[in-house]
Amino acid sequence: MSQSKREQVVSHLRYVRQELREMHLGVMEEGLLPEAGEVRGVLAQMEALLDLLEAKSARKAKAEAS
């Protein structure tokens, strides 16, 4: 993975982690469940990161098979 992609992934993971922390605090301290849109947004970001990583793994496996 190139350095810039790695930095993008790290940045996105930090953002997702912060969003999840805020949701957790809201649940624990205020007893409020996050809005469905918030959860969907974080889930979509996590899926995009997973797709990026899986694409990298698939390319690597294909290169090793050749």
Protein backbone atom coordinates (compact mmCIF):
# COMPACT_ATOMS: atom_id res chain seq x y z
CA MET A 1 0.00 0.00 0.00
CA SER A 2 1.42 3.35 -0.95
CA GLN A 3 2.25 5.81 1.78
CA SER A 4 -0.52 8.23 0.79
CA LYS A 5 -3.14 5.45 0.82
CA ARG A 6 -1.83 4.29 4.18
CA GLU A 7 -2.18 7.84 5.52
CA GLN A 8 -5.73 8.01 4.16
CA VAL A 9 -6.65 4.74 5.86
CA VAL A 10 -5.13 5.86 9.15
CA SER A 11 -6.98 9.16 8.95
CA HIS A 12 -10.29 7.47 8.20
CA LEU A 13 -9.80 4.97 11.02
CA ARG A 14 -9.11 7.78 13.48
CA TYR A 15 -12.25 9.56 12.35
CA VAL A 16 -14.37 6.39 12.65
CA ARG A 17 -12.92 5.69 16.08
CA GLN A 18 -13.78 9.20 17.26
CA GLU A 19 -17.33 8.90 15.91
CA LEU A 20 -17.78 5.58 17.70
CA ARG A 21 -16.43 7.04 20.95
CA GLU A 22 -18.94 9.88 20.75
CA MET A 23 -21.78 7.43 20.12
CA HIS A 24 -20.65 5.29 23.05
CA LEU A 25 -20.51 8.27 25.40
CA GLY A 26 -23.98 9.31 24.33
CA VAL A 27 -25.32 5.86 25.11
CA MET A 28 -23.49 5.46 28.41
CA GLU A 29 -23.86 8.95 29.87
CA GLU A 30 -27.15 10.16 28.47
CA GLY A 31 -28.87 6.90 27.59
CA LEU A 32 -29.44 8.16 24.06
CA LEU A 33 -29.17 5.88 21.09
CA PRO A 34 -27.41 7.33 18.04
CA GLU A 35 -29.53 8.26 15.06
CA ALA A 36 -29.79 5.61 12.38
CA GLY A 37 -28.15 7.92 9.85
CA GLU A 38 -25.10 8.34 12.07
CA VAL A 39 -24.70 4.59 12.43
CA ARG A 40 -25.18 4.04 8.71
CA GLY A 41 -22.56 6.69 7.94
CA VAL A 42 -19.93 5.12 10.18
CA LEU A 43 -20.76 1.67 8.83
CA ALA A 44 -20.40 2.92 5.25
CA GLN A 45 -16.97 4.37 6.07
CA MET A 46 -15.86 1.10 7.63
CA GLU A 47 -17.09 -0.85 4.60
CA ALA A 48 -15.20 1.48 2.25
CA LEU A 49 -12.00 0.91 4.21
CA LEU A 50 -12.57 -2.84 4.16
CA ASP A 51 -13.11 -2.76 0.39
CA LEU A 52 -9.87 -0.83 -0.02
CA LEU A 53 -7.96 -3.35 2.07
CA GLU A 54 -9.58 -6.36 0.39
CA ALA A 55 -8.75 -4.98 -3.05
CA LYS A 56 -5.13 -4.67 -1.96
CA SER A 57 -5.14 -8.26 -0.65
CA ALA A 58 -6.70 -9.58 -3.86
CA ARG A 59 -4.07 -7.84 -6.00
CA LYS A 60 -1.32 -9.19 -3.78
CA ALA A 61 -2.69 -12.74 -3.93
CA LYS A 62 -3.04 -12.52 -7.71
CA ALA A 63 0.56 -11.30 -8.07
CA GLU A 64 1.83 -14.13 -5.87
CA ALA A 65 -0.11 -16.71 -7.90
CA SER A 66 1.49 -15.54 -11.16
